[in-house]
Amino acid sequence: MAEDIKNVNIEEEEEDIITLEFDDDTAVDCYVMGTFELNGKEYIALEPEDGTGDVYIYGYKQISDDEFEILEIESEEEFDAAAAEFDAIMAEEEDN
């Protein structure tokens, strides 16, 4: 699981990009791949711009039309379930 997120900035561009700032003062720009729901909770998938092909998955809470919150996934079981759901969604999209 990822480090604690200190701050999130959203830049309006052709693709939605979020800058995650972690407690250790590192920052990572990420593309928003999308959001998805599992067991009544929403999640967001982010791909870092660094070209590694990694995907970050966090909890997601829409606050208003222009504002949302990214939440740490506290349990390993919840994270594993969200990651499996994301993998299933991506596999389904590849088949189409």
Protein backbone atom coordinates (compact mmCIF):
# COMPACT_ATOMS: atom_id res chain seq x y z
CA MET A 1 0.00 0.00 0.00
CA ALA A 2 1.12 3.55 -0.68
CA GLU A 3 2.44 6.15 1.69
CA ASP A 4 0.06 8.67 3.19
CA ILE A 5 -1.05 11.33 0.77
CA LYS A 6 -0.42 14.85 1.98
CA ASN A 7 -1.99 16.83 -0.85
CA VAL A 8 -3.71 16.34 -4.18
CA ASN A 9 -3.66 18.88 -7.02
CA ILE A 10 -5.66 18.58 -10.21
CA GLU A 11 -4.54 20.20 -13.44
CA GLU A 12 -7.08 20.78 -16.18
CA GLU A 13 -5.57 19.48 -19.41
CA GLU A 14 -6.70 17.21 -22.21
CA GLU A 15 -6.20 14.31 -19.85
CA ASP A 16 -6.95 14.66 -16.16
CA ILE A 17 -3.70 14.74 -14.21
CA ILE A 18 -3.44 14.60 -10.44
CA THR A 19 -0.31 15.46 -8.50
CA LEU A 20 -0.01 13.31 -5.40
CA GLU A 21 2.17 14.79 -2.67
CA PHE A 22 3.28 12.30 -0.04
CA ASP A 23 4.29 12.81 3.60
CA ASP A 24 7.97 12.51 2.65
CA ASP A 25 7.52 15.55 0.33
CA THR A 26 7.83 13.53 -2.88
CA ALA A 27 5.34 14.35 -5.63
CA VAL A 28 4.08 12.15 -8.44
CA ASP A 29 2.01 13.33 -11.42
CA CYS A 30 -0.59 10.73 -12.37
CA TYR A 31 -3.11 10.30 -15.17
CA VAL A 32 -6.63 9.54 -13.99
CA MET A 33 -7.44 6.18 -15.59
CA GLY A 34 -10.95 6.17 -14.18
CA THR A 35 -13.14 5.39 -11.23
CA PHE A 36 -15.01 2.20 -10.42
CA GLU A 37 -17.30 0.79 -7.74
CA LEU A 38 -16.96 -2.35 -5.66
CA ASN A 39 -19.14 -3.43 -2.75
CA GLY A 40 -20.77 -0.01 -2.45
CA LYS A 41 -17.45 1.89 -2.35
CA GLU A 42 -15.83 3.92 -5.08
CA TYR A 43 -12.20 3.69 -6.12
CA ILE A 44 -9.91 5.63 -8.45
CA ALA A 45 -7.12 4.21 -10.61
CA LEU A 46 -4.12 6.45 -11.30
CA GLU A 47 -1.16 5.85 -13.62
CA PRO A 48 2.08 7.72 -12.84
CA GLU A 49 3.54 9.73 -15.73
CA ASP A 50 6.94 8.12 -15.14
CA GLY A 51 6.28 5.41 -17.74
CA THR A 52 6.70 2.49 -15.33
CA GLY A 53 3.24 1.12 -16.10
CA ASP A 54 2.39 1.08 -12.38
CA VAL A 55 -1.18 1.74 -11.28
CA TYR A 56 -2.14 3.31 -7.96
CA ILE A 57 -5.54 2.47 -6.54
CA TYR A 58 -7.16 4.58 -3.83
CA GLY A 59 -10.57 5.08 -2.34
CA TYR A 60 -12.54 7.86 -4.02
CA LYS A 61 -15.23 10.15 -2.64
CA GLN A 62 -17.02 12.74 -4.80
CA ILE A 63 -17.66 15.86 -2.70
CA SER A 64 -19.07 18.19 -5.39
CA ASP A 65 -18.95 18.56 -9.16
CA ASP A 66 -15.48 20.10 -8.95
CA GLU A 67 -14.09 18.45 -5.82
CA PHE A 68 -13.28 14.93 -4.70
CA GLU A 69 -11.22 13.23 -2.04
CA ILE A 70 -8.69 10.44 -2.44
CA LEU A 71 -8.66 8.04 0.49
CA GLU A 72 -6.10 5.52 1.65
CA ILE A 73 -7.29 1.91 1.53
CA GLU A 74 -6.69 0.75 5.08
CA SER A 75 -6.85 -3.05 4.84
CA GLU A 76 -4.85 -5.36 2.63
CA GLU A 77 -7.99 -7.40 1.92
CA GLU A 78 -9.89 -4.35 0.65
CA PHE A 79 -6.90 -3.28 -1.46
CA ASP A 80 -6.55 -6.78 -2.96
CA ALA A 81 -10.28 -6.86 -3.81
CA ALA A 82 -10.13 -3.40 -5.44
CA ALA A 83 -7.01 -4.35 -7.42
CA ALA A 84 -8.68 -7.58 -8.62
CA GLU A 85 -11.76 -5.63 -9.72
CA PHE A 86 -9.58 -3.14 -11.59
CA ASP A 87 -7.74 -6.01 -13.31
CA ALA A 88 -11.09 -7.56 -14.32
CA ILE A 89 -12.29 -4.23 -15.76
CA MET A 90 -9.08 -3.79 -17.74
CA ALA A 91 -9.26 -7.38 -19.07
CA GLU A 92 -12.87 -6.82 -20.17
CA GLU A 93 -11.91 -3.59 -21.98
CA GLU A 94 -9.08 -5.38 -23.79
CA ASP A 95 -11.55 -8.02 -25.02
CA ASN A 96 -13.80 -5.37 -26.56
